[in-house]
Every structure is written in structure tokens, then in C-alpha cells.
C-alpha atoms as a PDB file:
ATOM      1  CA  UNK A   1     165.115   0.143   9.451  1.00  0.00           C
ATOM      2  CA  UNK A   2     162.618   1.882  11.619  1.00  0.00           C
ATOM      3  CA  UNK A   3     163.079   5.391  12.719  1.00  0.00           C
ATOM      4  CA  UNK A   4     162.853   6.058  16.417  1.00  0.00           C
ATOM      5  CA  UNK A   5     159.641   7.765  17.477  1.00  0.00           C
ATOM      6  CA  UNK A   6     159.582  10.574  19.932  1.00  0.00           C
ATOM      7  CA  UNK A   7     157.421   9.528  22.942  1.00  0.00           C
ATOM      8  CA  UNK A   8     156.138  13.102  23.229  1.00  0.00           C
ATOM      9  CA  UNK A   9     154.523  12.851  19.766  1.00  0.00           C
ATOM     10  CA  UNK A  10     152.291   9.893  20.770  1.00  0.00           C
ATOM     11  CA  UNK A  11     148.773  10.636  22.048  1.00  0.00           C
ATOM     12  CA  UNK A  12     147.974   9.889  25.664  1.00  0.00           C
ATOM     13  CA  UNK A  13     146.391   6.426  26.061  1.00  0.00           C
ATOM     14  CA  UNK A  14     143.783   7.858  28.410  1.00  0.00           C
ATOM     15  CA  UNK A  15     142.708  10.440  25.819  1.00  0.00           C
ATOM     16  CA  UNK A  16     142.450   7.894  23.011  1.00  0.00           C
ATOM     17  CA  UNK A  17     140.341   5.571  25.197  1.00  0.00           C
ATOM     18  CA  UNK A  18     138.075   8.446  26.221  1.00  0.00           C
ATOM     19  CA  UNK A  19     137.659   9.458  22.579  1.00  0.00           C
ATOM     20  CA  UNK A  20     136.801   5.869  21.573  1.00  0.00           C
ATOM     21  CA  UNK A  21     134.251   5.541  24.401  1.00  0.00           C
ATOM     22  CA  UNK A  22     132.655   8.875  23.503  1.00  0.00           C
ATOM     23  CA  UNK A  23     132.397   7.849  19.825  1.00  0.00           C
ATOM     24  CA  UNK A  24     130.831   4.500  20.798  1.00  0.00           C
ATOM     25  CA  UNK A  25     128.319   6.240  23.070  1.00  0.00           C
ATOM     26  CA  UNK A  26     127.353   8.667  20.324  1.00  0.00           C
ATOM     27  CA  UNK A  27     126.860   5.872  17.776  1.00  0.00           C
ATOM     28  CA  UNK A  28     124.757   3.973  20.327  1.00  0.00           C
ATOM     29  CA  UNK A  29     122.557   7.007  20.926  1.00  0.00           C
ATOM     30  CA  UNK A  30     122.111   7.452  17.174  1.00  0.00           C
ATOM     31  CA  UNK A  31     121.182   3.779  16.719  1.00  0.00           C
ATOM     32  CA  UNK A  32     118.634   3.935  19.549  1.00  0.00           C
ATOM     33  CA  UNK A  33     117.124   7.117  18.152  1.00  0.00           C
ATOM     34  CA  UNK A  34     116.962   5.610  14.672  1.00  0.00           C
ATOM     35  CA  UNK A  35     115.226   2.495  16.049  1.00  0.00           C
ATOM     36  CA  UNK A  36     112.716   4.568  17.991  1.00  0.00           C
ATOM     37  CA  UNK A  37     111.932   6.642  14.905  1.00  0.00           C
ATOM     38  CA  UNK A  38     111.396   3.499  12.816  1.00  0.00           C
ATOM     39  CA  UNK A  39     109.030   2.006  15.418  1.00  0.00           C
ATOM     40  CA  UNK A  40     107.023   5.243  15.604  1.00  0.00           C
ATOM     41  CA  UNK A  41     106.742   5.459  11.811  1.00  0.00           C
ATOM     42  CA  UNK A  42     105.994   1.731  11.246  1.00  0.00           C
ATOM     43  CA  UNK A  43     104.200   0.300  14.294  1.00  0.00           C
ATOM     44  CA  UNK A  44     102.247  -2.474  12.527  1.00  0.00           C
ATOM     45  CA  UNK A  45     105.220  -4.262  10.913  1.00  0.00           C
ATOM     46  CA  UNK A  46     107.164  -4.038  14.172  1.00  0.00           C
ATOM     47  CA  UNK A  47     104.314  -5.541  16.202  1.00  0.00           C
ATOM     48  CA  UNK A  48     103.747  -8.309  13.634  1.00  0.00           C
ATOM     49  CA  UNK A  49     107.478  -9.038  13.539  1.00  0.00           C
ATOM     50  CA  UNK A  50     107.670  -9.195  17.328  1.00  0.00           C
ATOM     51  CA  UNK A  51     104.642 -11.496  17.391  1.00  0.00           C
ATOM     52  CA  UNK A  52     106.188 -13.830  14.814  1.00  0.00           C
ATOM     53  CA  UNK A  53     109.510 -13.838  16.654  1.00  0.00           C
ATOM     54  CA  UNK A  54     107.736 -14.695  19.918  1.00  0.00           C
ATOM     55  CA  UNK A  55     105.751 -17.503  18.313  1.00  0.00           C
ATOM     56  CA  UNK A  56     108.880 -18.922  16.702  1.00  0.00           C
ATOM     57  CA  UNK A  57     110.858 -18.864  19.938  1.00  0.00           C
ATOM     58  CA  UNK A  58     107.899 -20.331  21.817  1.00  0.00           C
ATOM     59  CA  UNK A  59     107.534 -23.149  19.290  1.00  0.00           C
ATOM     60  CA  UNK A  60     111.239 -23.940  19.470  1.00  0.00           C
ATOM     61  CA  UNK A  61     111.311 -23.979  23.272  1.00  0.00           C
ATOM     62  CA  UNK A  62     108.003 -25.821  23.813  1.00  0.00           C
ATOM     63  CA  UNK A  63     108.363 -29.318  25.222  1.00  0.00           C
ATOM     64  CA  UNK A  64     107.775 -32.039  22.673  1.00  0.00           C
ATOM     65  CA  UNK A  65     104.987 -34.503  23.251  1.00  0.00           C
ATOM     66  CA  UNK A  66     106.281 -37.923  24.055  1.00  0.00           C
ATOM     67  CA  UNK A  67     105.613 -40.840  21.801  1.00  0.00           C
ATOM     68  CA  UNK A  68     103.205 -43.289  23.444  1.00  0.00           C
ATOM     69  CA  UNK A  69     104.951 -46.284  24.911  1.00  0.00           C
ATOM     70  CA  UNK A  70     104.919 -49.506  22.947  1.00  0.00           C
ATOM     71  CA  UNK A  71     102.737 -52.003  24.854  1.00  0.00           C
ATOM     72  CA  UNK A  72     105.192 -54.831  24.256  1.00  0.00           C
ATOM     73  CA  UNK A  73     108.041 -52.717  25.586  1.00  0.00           C
ATOM     74  CA  UNK A  74     105.944 -51.773  28.627  1.00  0.00           C
ATOM     75  CA  UNK A  75     105.341 -55.444  29.402  1.00  0.00           C
ATOM     76  CA  UNK A  76     109.032 -56.191  28.876  1.00  0.00           C
ATOM     77  CA  UNK A  77     110.065 -53.397  31.262  1.00  0.00           C
ATOM     78  CA  UNK A  78     107.532 -54.521  33.859  1.00  0.00           C
ATOM     79  CA  UNK A  79     108.743 -58.102  33.641  1.00  0.00           C
ATOM     80  CA  UNK A  80     112.377 -57.021  33.882  1.00  0.00           C
ATOM     81  CA  UNK A  81     111.654 -54.876  36.933  1.00  0.00           C
ATOM     82  CA  UNK A  82     109.793 -57.750  38.557  1.00  0.00           C
ATOM     83  CA  UNK A  83     112.630 -60.124  37.771  1.00  0.00           C
ATOM     84  CA  UNK A  84     115.194 -57.745  39.211  1.00  0.00           C
ATOM     85  CA  UNK A  85     113.173 -57.518  42.408  1.00  0.00           C
ATOM     86  CA  UNK A  86     112.812 -61.283  42.635  1.00  0.00           C
ATOM     87  CA  UNK A  87     116.437 -61.920  41.787  1.00  0.00           C
ATOM     88  CA  UNK A  88     117.482 -59.929  44.811  1.00  0.00           C
ATOM     89  CA  UNK A  89     115.372 -62.232  46.946  1.00  0.00           C
ATOM     90  CA  UNK A  90     115.814 -65.513  45.146  1.00  0.00           C
ATOM     91  CA  UNK A  91     118.918 -65.723  42.899  1.00  0.00           C
ATOM     92  CA  UNK A  92     117.845 -68.877  41.023  1.00  0.00           C
ATOM     93  CA  UNK A  93     114.386 -67.544  40.193  1.00  0.00           C
ATOM     94  CA  UNK A  94     115.808 -65.078  37.688  1.00  0.00           C
ATOM     95  CA  UNK A  95     117.382 -67.784  35.524  1.00  0.00           C
ATOM     96  CA  UNK A  96     114.125 -69.714  35.303  1.00  0.00           C
ATOM     97  CA  UNK A  97     111.964 -66.640  34.889  1.00  0.00           C
ATOM     98  CA  UNK A  98     114.106 -65.103  32.125  1.00  0.00           C
ATOM     99  CA  UNK A  99     113.159 -67.880  29.746  1.00  0.00           C
ATOM    100  CA  UNK A 100     109.531 -67.417  30.713  1.00  0.00           C
ATOM    101  CA  UNK A 101     109.664 -63.644  30.189  1.00  0.00           C
ATOM    102  CA  UNK A 102     111.176 -64.024  26.717  1.00  0.00           C
ATOM    103  CA  UNK A 103     108.423 -66.475  25.814  1.00  0.00           C
ATOM    104  CA  UNK A 104     105.748 -64.087  27.104  1.00  0.00           C
ATOM    105  CA  UNK A 105     107.275 -61.125  25.240  1.00  0.00           C
ATOM    106  CA  UNK A 106     107.447 -63.162  22.028  1.00  0.00           C
ATOM    107  CA  UNK A 107     103.816 -64.194  22.405  1.00  0.00           C
ATOM    108  CA  UNK A 108     102.707 -60.608  23.129  1.00  0.00           C
ATOM    109  CA  UNK A 109     104.661 -59.410  20.085  1.00  0.00           C
ATOM    110  CA  UNK A 110     103.047 -62.059  17.915  1.00  0.00           C
ATOM    111  CA  UNK A 111      99.573 -61.098  19.148  1.00  0.00           C
ATOM    112  CA  UNK A 112     100.377 -57.438  18.448  1.00  0.00           C
ATOM    113  CA  UNK A 113     101.467 -58.255  14.894  1.00  0.00           C
ATOM    114  CA  UNK A 114      98.326 -60.264  14.276  1.00  0.00           C
ATOM    115  CA  UNK A 115      96.108 -57.504  15.607  1.00  0.00           C
ATOM    116  CA  UNK A 116      97.806 -54.917  13.417  1.00  0.00           C
ATOM    117  CA  UNK A 117      97.158 -57.150  10.393  1.00  0.00           C
ATOM    118  CA  UNK A 118      93.409 -57.139  11.074  1.00  0.00           C
END
């Protein structure tokens, strides 16, 4: 069983919060002072560390260079775009041209493979 507690024996919530805030402020001041002292005593390692951190963050956030487009894929995309445009104008043209575009893409791919061999 628990024994009843007298409400007058409990600390005021306002006082306990004020004490906690004051303790946190004091610890923050001490940490800031400690950091400032370290920087004053060791400026070179701090500057080098900041430089390395900046370079690392910059390298991570830098945009990546894009891989050059595959010429065969570029031709395929161009043909598909052209076919889409034509198909809006002439619905039957797309059916006939699709076979042609596949043949052209296959021939371009074959030429690319042969050129890579040489």
C-alpha cells in the first residue's frame, strides 16, 4: 500500500521548473565558455576541422555530373517523339512507322557494336 502524501510537502511546480531552467542555462554557459577556450588554445586544428567539414558537406551536396546520353537511346527517343507527333495527325502512320523505327534502332545498335569492336 502507498502512504498518502501531504500536498504541502511537495515542491511548487513553478519553482522546480525555474530551477531546471537555471541549471540548463548554467550548463549551456559553461559549455560555450569551454568551447571558446578550446578554440583560443587550439586555433589550427579547429580551422582545419572546419575546412574539412565544409569540403565534405560541399562534396555531398554538389550536383552529380550526368552520364552522357547513349546515342542509340537518343535516336530512339527522337523517333518515338516524332512518331507520337505524327500519330496525333495520322493514326495509321504510327503502326507503319513503328516497324521502321525498330529496324532503324536495330541497325544503329549494330553499327555501334561494330564500331566499339574496332
